[in-house]
Amino acid sequence: MRLGDDIDDHCSSCQRTTDHSIVSMMGEEVLRTRCRTCNSEHKYRKNKGRRKEMTAQEAFDKVLATMPGMQSEPAKPGRKKK
């Protein structure tokens, strides 16, 4: 690792894991990173976020729930809807 390299880290502004650039190091240890999505700079969190990332199914269900008239019941593995 060296300054300017890309690294994954949890962004407190974006509230998810995103690509970051290394902006500060001490020896071999990364100290600060800058989010490549929102440009916020923060100490390196070693990609430890407060919340677990959503699965694709959870994200789909969340979006579907916000659409008027579109109610979805959770898919059951191995069973097809009629």
PDB file of N, CA and C in Angstrom:
ATOM      1  N   MET A   1       0.831  -1.180   0.000  1.00  0.00           N
ATOM      2  CA  MET A   1       0.000   0.000   0.000  1.00  0.00           C
ATOM      3  C   MET A   1       0.880   1.250   0.000  1.00  0.00           C
ATOM      4  N   ARG A   2       0.383   2.269  -0.705  1.00  0.00           N
ATOM      5  CA  ARG A   2       1.073   3.555  -0.708  1.00  0.00           C
ATOM      6  C   ARG A   2       0.065   4.669  -0.967  1.00  0.00           C
ATOM      7  N   LEU A   3       0.474   5.912  -0.775  1.00  0.00           N
ATOM      8  CA  LEU A   3      -0.424   7.048  -0.949  1.00  0.00           C
ATOM      9  C   LEU A   3      -1.043   7.038  -2.341  1.00  0.00           C
ATOM     10  N   GLY A   4      -2.346   7.313  -2.397  1.00  0.00           N
ATOM     11  CA  GLY A   4      -3.049   7.365  -3.675  1.00  0.00           C
ATOM     12  C   GLY A   4      -3.646   6.047  -4.116  1.00  0.00           C
ATOM     13  N   ASP A   5      -3.249   4.939  -3.489  1.00  0.00           N
ATOM     14  CA  ASP A   5      -3.808   3.635  -3.855  1.00  0.00           C
ATOM     15  C   ASP A   5      -5.293   3.578  -3.506  1.00  0.00           C
ATOM     16  N   ASP A   6      -6.009   2.731  -4.232  1.00  0.00           N
ATOM     17  CA  ASP A   6      -7.430   2.522  -3.962  1.00  0.00           C
ATOM     18  C   ASP A   6      -7.597   1.452  -2.887  1.00  0.00           C
ATOM     19  N   ILE A   7      -8.606   1.664  -2.033  1.00  0.00           N
ATOM     20  CA  ILE A   7      -8.880   0.736  -0.942  1.00  0.00           C
ATOM     21  C   ILE A   7     -10.374   0.818  -0.613  1.00  0.00           C
ATOM     22  N   ASP A   8     -10.975  -0.281  -0.202  1.00  0.00           N
ATOM     23  CA  ASP A   8     -12.373  -0.277   0.236  1.00  0.00           C
ATOM     24  C   ASP A   8     -12.429   0.138   1.700  1.00  0.00           C
ATOM     25  N   ASP A   9     -13.390   0.999   2.024  1.00  0.00           N
ATOM     26  CA  ASP A   9     -13.582   1.410   3.407  1.00  0.00           C
ATOM     27  C   ASP A   9     -15.031   1.827   3.603  1.00  0.00           C
ATOM     28  N   HIS A  10     -15.473   1.875   4.855  1.00  0.00           N
ATOM     29  CA  HIS A  10     -16.833   2.321   5.159  1.00  0.00           C
ATOM     30  C   HIS A  10     -16.845   3.839   5.216  1.00  0.00           C
ATOM     31  N   CYS A  11     -17.717   4.463   4.430  1.00  0.00           N
ATOM     32  CA  CYS A  11     -17.842   5.918   4.407  1.00  0.00           C
ATOM     33  C   CYS A  11     -18.984   6.336   5.323  1.00  0.00           C
ATOM     34  N   SER A  12     -18.689   7.215   6.276  1.00  0.00           N
ATOM     35  CA  SER A  12     -19.724   7.669   7.210  1.00  0.00           C
ATOM     36  C   SER A  12     -20.707   8.624   6.534  1.00  0.00           C
ATOM     37  N   SER A  13     -20.281   9.299   5.477  1.00  0.00           N
ATOM     38  CA  SER A  13     -21.197  10.194   4.759  1.00  0.00           C
ATOM     39  C   SER A  13     -22.144   9.401   3.865  1.00  0.00           C
ATOM     40  N   CYS A  14     -21.612   8.453   3.107  1.00  0.00           N
ATOM     41  CA  CYS A  14     -22.424   7.634   2.204  1.00  0.00           C
ATOM     42  C   CYS A  14     -23.178   6.534   2.948  1.00  0.00           C
ATOM     43  N   GLN A  15     -22.720   6.189   4.145  1.00  0.00           N
ATOM     44  CA  GLN A  15     -23.303   5.133   4.975  1.00  0.00           C
ATOM     45  C   GLN A  15     -23.212   3.759   4.316  1.00  0.00           C
ATOM     46  N   ARG A  16     -22.112   3.515   3.611  1.00  0.00           N
ATOM     47  CA  ARG A  16     -21.895   2.201   3.005  1.00  0.00           C
ATOM     48  C   ARG A  16     -20.423   2.040   2.640  1.00  0.00           C
ATOM     49  N   THR A  17     -20.050   0.866   2.216  1.00  0.00           N
ATOM     50  CA  THR A  17     -18.695   0.604   1.788  1.00  0.00           C
ATOM     51  C   THR A  17     -18.518   1.111   0.365  1.00  0.00           C
ATOM     52  N   THR A  18     -17.500   1.939   0.163  1.00  0.00           N
ATOM     53  CA  THR A  18     -17.223   2.507  -1.157  1.00  0.00           C
ATOM     54  C   THR A  18     -15.728   2.461  -1.422  1.00  0.00           C
ATOM     55  N   ASP A  19     -15.348   2.811  -2.666  1.00  0.00           N
ATOM     56  CA  ASP A  19     -13.933   2.934  -3.020  1.00  0.00           C
ATOM     57  C   ASP A  19     -13.380   4.198  -2.377  1.00  0.00           C
ATOM     58  N   HIS A  20     -12.189   4.108  -1.839  1.00  0.00           N
ATOM     59  CA  HIS A  20     -11.507   5.233  -1.211  1.00  0.00           C
ATOM     60  C   HIS A  20     -10.086   5.323  -1.762  1.00  0.00           C
ATOM     61  N   SER A  21      -9.474   6.476  -1.610  1.00  0.00           N
ATOM     62  CA  SER A  21      -8.063   6.678  -1.919  1.00  0.00           C
ATOM     63  C   SER A  21      -7.329   6.917  -0.610  1.00  0.00           C
ATOM     64  N   ILE A  22      -6.131   6.374  -0.495  1.00  0.00           N
ATOM     65  CA  ILE A  22      -5.320   6.562   0.705  1.00  0.00           C
ATOM     66  C   ILE A  22      -4.702   7.962   0.650  1.00  0.00           C
ATOM     67  N   VAL A  23      -4.909   8.752   1.718  1.00  0.00           N
ATOM     68  CA  VAL A  23      -4.352  10.112   1.745  1.00  0.00           C
ATOM     69  C   VAL A  23      -3.320  10.303   2.850  1.00  0.00           C
ATOM     70  N   SER A  24      -3.230   9.380   3.809  1.00  0.00           N
ATOM     71  CA  SER A  24      -2.262   9.517   4.882  1.00  0.00           C
ATOM     72  C   SER A  24      -1.856   8.138   5.396  1.00  0.00           C
ATOM     73  N   MET A  25      -0.543   7.980   5.624  1.00  0.00           N
ATOM     74  CA  MET A  25      -0.014   6.721   6.143  1.00  0.00           C
ATOM     75  C   MET A  25       1.076   7.015   7.162  1.00  0.00           C
ATOM     76  N   MET A  26       1.274   6.065   8.078  1.00  0.00           N
ATOM     77  CA  MET A  26       2.411   6.107   8.981  1.00  0.00           C
ATOM     78  C   MET A  26       3.090   4.752   8.860  1.00  0.00           C
ATOM     79  N   GLY A  27       4.227   4.742   8.234  1.00  0.00           N
ATOM     80  CA  GLY A  27       4.901   3.482   7.946  1.00  0.00           C
ATOM     81  C   GLY A  27       4.055   2.693   6.954  1.00  0.00           C
ATOM     82  N   GLU A  28       3.674   1.477   7.303  1.00  0.00           N
ATOM     83  CA  GLU A  28       2.843   0.633   6.449  1.00  0.00           C
ATOM     84  C   GLU A  28       1.355   0.734   6.789  1.00  0.00           C
ATOM     85  N   GLU A  29       1.024   1.522   7.829  1.00  0.00           N
ATOM     86  CA  GLU A  29      -0.355   1.610   8.311  1.00  0.00           C
ATOM     87  C   GLU A  29      -1.109   2.770   7.652  1.00  0.00           C
ATOM     88  N   VAL A  30      -2.303   2.469   7.136  1.00  0.00           N
ATOM     89  CA  VAL A  30      -3.164   3.495   6.545  1.00  0.00           C
ATOM     90  C   VAL A  30      -3.850   4.255   7.681  1.00  0.00           C
ATOM     91  N   LEU A  31      -3.763   5.603   7.646  1.00  0.00           N
ATOM     92  CA  LEU A  31      -4.378   6.417   8.691  1.00  0.00           C
ATOM     93  C   LEU A  31      -5.654   7.109   8.226  1.00  0.00           C
ATOM     94  N   ARG A  32      -5.637   7.725   7.023  1.00  0.00           N
ATOM     95  CA  ARG A  32      -6.787   8.472   6.527  1.00  0.00           C
ATOM     96  C   ARG A  32      -7.074   8.096   5.085  1.00  0.00           C
ATOM     97  N   THR A  33      -8.378   8.130   4.757  1.00  0.00           N
ATOM     98  CA  THR A  33      -8.811   7.837   3.394  1.00  0.00           C
ATOM     99  C   THR A  33      -9.783   8.914   2.916  1.00  0.00           C
ATOM    100  N   ARG A  34      -9.945   9.015   1.590  1.00  0.00           N
ATOM    101  CA  ARG A  34     -10.919   9.946   0.991  1.00  0.00           C
ATOM    102  C   ARG A  34     -11.858   9.130   0.112  1.00  0.00           C
ATOM    103  N   CYS A  35     -13.163   9.282   0.364  1.00  0.00           N
ATOM    104  CA  CYS A  35     -14.184   8.574  -0.401  1.00  0.00           C
ATOM    105  C   CYS A  35     -14.164   9.072  -1.844  1.00  0.00           C
ATOM    106  N   ARG A  36     -14.156   8.156  -2.795  1.00  0.00           N
ATOM    107  CA  ARG A  36     -14.145   8.534  -4.203  1.00  0.00           C
ATOM    108  C   ARG A  36     -15.548   8.832  -4.717  1.00  0.00           C
ATOM    109  N   THR A  37     -16.576   8.610  -3.894  1.00  0.00           N
ATOM    110  CA  THR A  37     -17.949   8.911  -4.280  1.00  0.00           C
ATOM    111  C   THR A  37     -18.335  10.325  -3.841  1.00  0.00           C
ATOM    112  N   CYS A  38     -18.105  10.659  -2.564  1.00  0.00           N
ATOM    113  CA  CYS A  38     -18.539  11.959  -2.047  1.00  0.00           C
ATOM    114  C   CYS A  38     -17.382  12.886  -1.668  1.00  0.00           C
ATOM    115  N   ASN A  39     -16.150  12.425  -1.794  1.00  0.00           N
ATOM    116  CA  ASN A  39     -14.929  13.196  -1.487  1.00  0.00           C
ATOM    117  C   ASN A  39     -14.753  13.554  -0.021  1.00  0.00           C
ATOM    118  N   SER A  40     -15.471  12.902   0.883  1.00  0.00           N
ATOM    119  CA  SER A  40     -15.249  13.173   2.305  1.00  0.00           C
ATOM    120  C   SER A  40     -13.990  12.434   2.758  1.00  0.00           C
ATOM    121  N   GLU A  41     -13.255  13.052   3.660  1.00  0.00           N
ATOM    122  CA  GLU A  41     -12.017  12.475   4.169  1.00  0.00           C
ATOM    123  C   GLU A  41     -12.228  12.090   5.628  1.00  0.00           C
ATOM    124  N   HIS A  42     -11.755  10.910   6.006  1.00  0.00           N
ATOM    125  CA  HIS A  42     -11.926  10.432   7.375  1.00  0.00           C
ATOM    126  C   HIS A  42     -10.848   9.434   7.708  1.00  0.00           C
ATOM    127  N   LYS A  43     -10.751   9.093   9.006  1.00  0.00           N
ATOM    128  CA  LYS A  43      -9.753   8.098   9.405  1.00  0.00           C
ATOM    129  C   LYS A  43     -10.141   6.744   8.827  1.00  0.00           C
ATOM    130  N   TYR A  44      -9.152   5.919   8.589  1.00  0.00           N
ATOM    131  CA  TYR A  44      -9.365   4.594   8.013  1.00  0.00           C
ATOM    132  C   TYR A  44     -10.072   3.709   9.028  1.00  0.00           C
ATOM    133  N   ARG A  45     -11.212   3.150   8.636  1.00  0.00           N
ATOM    134  CA  ARG A  45     -12.033   2.338   9.538  1.00  0.00           C
ATOM    135  C   ARG A  45     -11.858   0.839   9.317  1.00  0.00           C
ATOM    136  N   LYS A  46     -10.957   0.480   8.450  1.00  0.00           N
ATOM    137  CA  LYS A  46     -10.702  -0.931   8.133  1.00  0.00           C
ATOM    138  C   LYS A  46     -11.972  -1.622   7.664  1.00  0.00           C
ATOM    139  N   ASN A  47     -12.819  -0.835   6.965  1.00  0.00           N
ATOM    140  CA  ASN A  47     -14.054  -1.319   6.357  1.00  0.00           C
ATOM    141  C   ASN A  47     -15.026  -1.910   7.378  1.00  0.00           C
ATOM    142  N   LYS A  48     -15.013  -1.372   8.583  1.00  0.00           N
ATOM    143  CA  LYS A  48     -15.952  -1.833   9.610  1.00  0.00           C
ATOM    144  C   LYS A  48     -17.078  -0.828   9.723  1.00  0.00           C
ATOM    145  N   GLY A  49     -18.227  -1.191   9.166  1.00  0.00           N
ATOM    146  CA  GLY A  49     -19.387  -0.313   9.206  1.00  0.00           C
ATOM    147  C   GLY A  49     -20.302  -0.682  10.351  1.00  0.00           C
ATOM    148  N   ARG A  50     -21.242   0.190  10.609  1.00  0.00           N
ATOM    149  CA  ARG A  50     -22.201  -0.087  11.679  1.00  0.00           C
ATOM    150  C   ARG A  50     -23.266  -1.063  11.237  1.00  0.00           C
ATOM    151  N   ARG A  51     -23.609  -0.994   9.950  1.00  0.00           N
ATOM    152  CA  ARG A  51     -24.662  -1.853   9.426  1.00  0.00           C
ATOM    153  C   ARG A  51     -24.108  -2.766   8.340  1.00  0.00           C
ATOM    154  N   LYS A  52     -24.724  -3.907   8.208  1.00  0.00           N
ATOM    155  CA  LYS A  52     -24.369  -4.846   7.159  1.00  0.00           C
ATOM    156  C   LYS A  52     -24.963  -4.359   5.838  1.00  0.00           C
ATOM    157  N   GLU A  53     -24.239  -4.545   4.743  1.00  0.00           N
ATOM    158  CA  GLU A  53     -24.747  -4.177   3.425  1.00  0.00           C
ATOM    159  C   GLU A  53     -26.000  -4.985   3.114  1.00  0.00           C
ATOM    160  N   MET A  54     -26.908  -4.398   2.364  1.00  0.00           N
ATOM    161  CA  MET A  54     -28.134  -5.091   1.963  1.00  0.00           C
ATOM    162  C   MET A  54     -27.826  -6.119   0.881  1.00  0.00           C
ATOM    163  N   THR A  55     -28.570  -7.198   0.904  1.00  0.00           N
ATOM    164  CA  THR A  55     -28.479  -8.152  -0.196  1.00  0.00           C
ATOM    165  C   THR A  55     -29.278  -7.580  -1.365  1.00  0.00           C
ATOM    166  N   ALA A  56     -29.103  -8.142  -2.539  1.00  0.00           N
ATOM    167  CA  ALA A  56     -29.833  -7.672  -3.721  1.00  0.00           C
ATOM    168  C   ALA A  56     -31.336  -7.821  -3.515  1.00  0.00           C
ATOM    169  N   GLN A  57     -31.769  -8.913  -2.893  1.00  0.00           N
ATOM    170  CA  GLN A  57     -33.194  -9.135  -2.650  1.00  0.00           C
ATOM    171  C   GLN A  57     -33.748  -8.101  -1.671  1.00  0.00           C
ATOM    172  N   GLU A  58     -32.996  -7.786  -0.612  1.00  0.00           N
ATOM    173  CA  GLU A  58     -33.436  -6.781   0.346  1.00  0.00           C
ATOM    174  C   GLU A  58     -33.561  -5.405  -0.312  1.00  0.00           C
ATOM    175  N   ALA A  59     -32.603  -5.061  -1.176  1.00  0.00           N
ATOM    176  CA  ALA A  59     -32.652  -3.775  -1.889  1.00  0.00           C
ATOM    177  C   ALA A  59     -33.864  -3.727  -2.814  1.00  0.00           C
ATOM    178  N   PHE A  60     -34.139  -4.816  -3.520  1.00  0.00           N
ATOM    179  CA  PHE A  60     -35.288  -4.884  -4.415  1.00  0.00           C
ATOM    180  C   PHE A  60     -36.587  -4.717  -3.640  1.00  0.00           C
ATOM    181  N   ASP A  61     -36.715  -5.445  -2.526  1.00  0.00           N
ATOM    182  CA  ASP A  61     -37.921  -5.358  -1.696  1.00  0.00           C
ATOM    183  C   ASP A  61     -38.117  -3.948  -1.138  1.00  0.00           C
ATOM    184  N   LYS A  62     -37.022  -3.289  -0.758  1.00  0.00           N
ATOM    185  CA  LYS A  62     -37.112  -1.935  -0.214  1.00  0.00           C
ATOM    186  C   LYS A  62     -37.606  -0.952  -1.279  1.00  0.00           C
ATOM    187  N   VAL A  63     -37.081  -1.056  -2.489  1.00  0.00           N
ATOM    188  CA  VAL A  63     -37.516  -0.178  -3.580  1.00  0.00           C
ATOM    189  C   VAL A  63     -38.965  -0.476  -3.947  1.00  0.00           C
ATOM    190  N   LEU A  64     -39.315  -1.736  -4.032  1.00  0.00           N
ATOM    191  CA  LEU A  64     -40.669  -2.131  -4.391  1.00  0.00           C
ATOM    192  C   LEU A  64     -41.685  -1.629  -3.364  1.00  0.00           C
ATOM    193  N   ALA A  65     -41.306  -1.622  -2.092  1.00  0.00           N
ATOM    194  CA  ALA A  65     -42.208  -1.163  -1.035  1.00  0.00           C
ATOM    195  C   ALA A  65     -42.515   0.326  -1.148  1.00  0.00           C
ATOM    196  N   THR A  66     -41.633   1.097  -1.775  1.00  0.00           N
ATOM    197  CA  THR A  66     -41.857   2.542  -1.908  1.00  0.00           C
ATOM    198  C   THR A  66     -42.731   2.888  -3.106  1.00  0.00           C
ATOM    199  N   MET A  67     -43.000   1.916  -3.976  1.00  0.00           N
ATOM    200  CA  MET A  67     -43.808   2.170  -5.168  1.00  0.00           C
ATOM    201  C   MET A  67     -45.283   1.966  -4.841  1.00  0.00           C
ATOM    202  N   PRO A  68     -46.122   2.969  -5.136  1.00  0.00           N
ATOM    203  CA  PRO A  68     -47.550   2.846  -4.818  1.00  0.00           C
ATOM    204  C   PRO A  68     -48.205   1.709  -5.609  1.00  0.00           C
ATOM    205  N   GLY A  69     -49.032   0.928  -4.917  1.00  0.00           N
ATOM    206  CA  GLY A  69     -49.767  -0.155  -5.561  1.00  0.00           C
ATOM    207  C   GLY A  69     -48.950  -1.401  -5.850  1.00  0.00           C
ATOM    208  N   MET A  70     -47.699  -1.418  -5.447  1.00  0.00           N
ATOM    209  CA  MET A  70     -46.834  -2.575  -5.720  1.00  0.00           C
ATOM    210  C   MET A  70     -46.452  -3.212  -4.391  1.00  0.00           C
ATOM    211  N   GLN A  71     -47.210  -4.190  -3.979  1.00  0.00           N
ATOM    212  CA  GLN A  71     -46.902  -4.898  -2.749  1.00  0.00           C
ATOM    213  C   GLN A  71     -46.319  -6.251  -3.108  1.00  0.00           C
ATOM    214  N   SER A  72     -45.264  -6.592  -2.456  1.00  0.00           N
ATOM    215  CA  SER A  72     -44.590  -7.860  -2.736  1.00  0.00           C
ATOM    216  C   SER A  72     -44.492  -8.657  -1.451  1.00  0.00           C
ATOM    217  N   GLU A  73     -44.775  -9.931  -1.549  1.00  0.00           N
ATOM    218  CA  GLU A  73     -44.522 -10.781  -0.403  1.00  0.00           C
ATOM    219  C   GLU A  73     -43.166 -11.413  -0.620  1.00  0.00           C
ATOM    220  N   PRO A  74     -42.417 -11.638   0.435  1.00  0.00           N
ATOM    221  CA  PRO A  74     -41.059 -12.180   0.285  1.00  0.00           C
ATOM    222  C   PRO A  74     -41.080 -13.502  -0.467  1.00  0.00           C
ATOM    223  N   ALA A  75     -40.135 -13.647  -1.370  1.00  0.00           N
ATOM    224  CA  ALA A  75     -40.032 -14.877  -2.168  1.00  0.00           C
ATOM    225  C   ALA A  75     -39.618 -16.036  -1.264  1.00  0.00           C
ATOM    226  N   LYS A  76     -40.244 -17.179  -1.478  1.00  0.00           N
ATOM    227  CA  LYS A  76     -39.896 -18.370  -0.708  1.00  0.00           C
ATOM    228  C   LYS A  76     -39.055 -19.274  -1.593  1.00  0.00           C
ATOM    229  N   PRO A  77     -37.873 -19.636  -1.134  1.00  0.00           N
ATOM    230  CA  PRO A  77     -37.008 -20.488  -1.952  1.00  0.00           C
ATOM    231  C   PRO A  77     -37.673 -21.805  -2.315  1.00  0.00           C
ATOM    232  N   GLY A  78     -37.561 -22.185  -3.564  1.00  0.00           N
ATOM    233  CA  GLY A  78     -38.082 -23.468  -4.007  1.00  0.00           C
ATOM    234  C   GLY A  78     -39.551 -23.499  -4.354  1.00  0.00           C
ATOM    235  N   ARG A  79     -40.268 -22.386  -4.184  1.00  0.00           N
ATOM    236  CA  ARG A  79     -41.690 -22.352  -4.489  1.00  0.00           C
ATOM    237  C   ARG A  79     -41.955 -21.245  -5.507  1.00  0.00           C
ATOM    238  N   LYS A  80     -42.772 -21.559  -6.476  1.00  0.00           N
ATOM    239  CA  LYS A  80     -43.144 -20.593  -7.508  1.00  0.00           C
ATOM    240  C   LYS A  80     -44.518 -20.034  -7.213  1.00  0.00           C
ATOM    241  N   LYS A  81     -44.684 -18.738  -7.508  1.00  0.00           N
ATOM    242  CA  LYS A  81     -46.004 -18.129  -7.366  1.00  0.00           C
ATOM    243  C   LYS A  81     -46.872 -18.544  -8.532  1.00  0.00           C
ATOM    244  N   LYS A  82     -48.185 -18.691  -8.308  1.00  0.00           N
ATOM    245  CA  LYS A  82     -49.110 -19.059  -9.380  1.00  0.00           C
ATOM    246  C   LYS A  82     -49.801 -17.831  -9.888  1.00  0.00           C
TER     247      LYS A  82
END
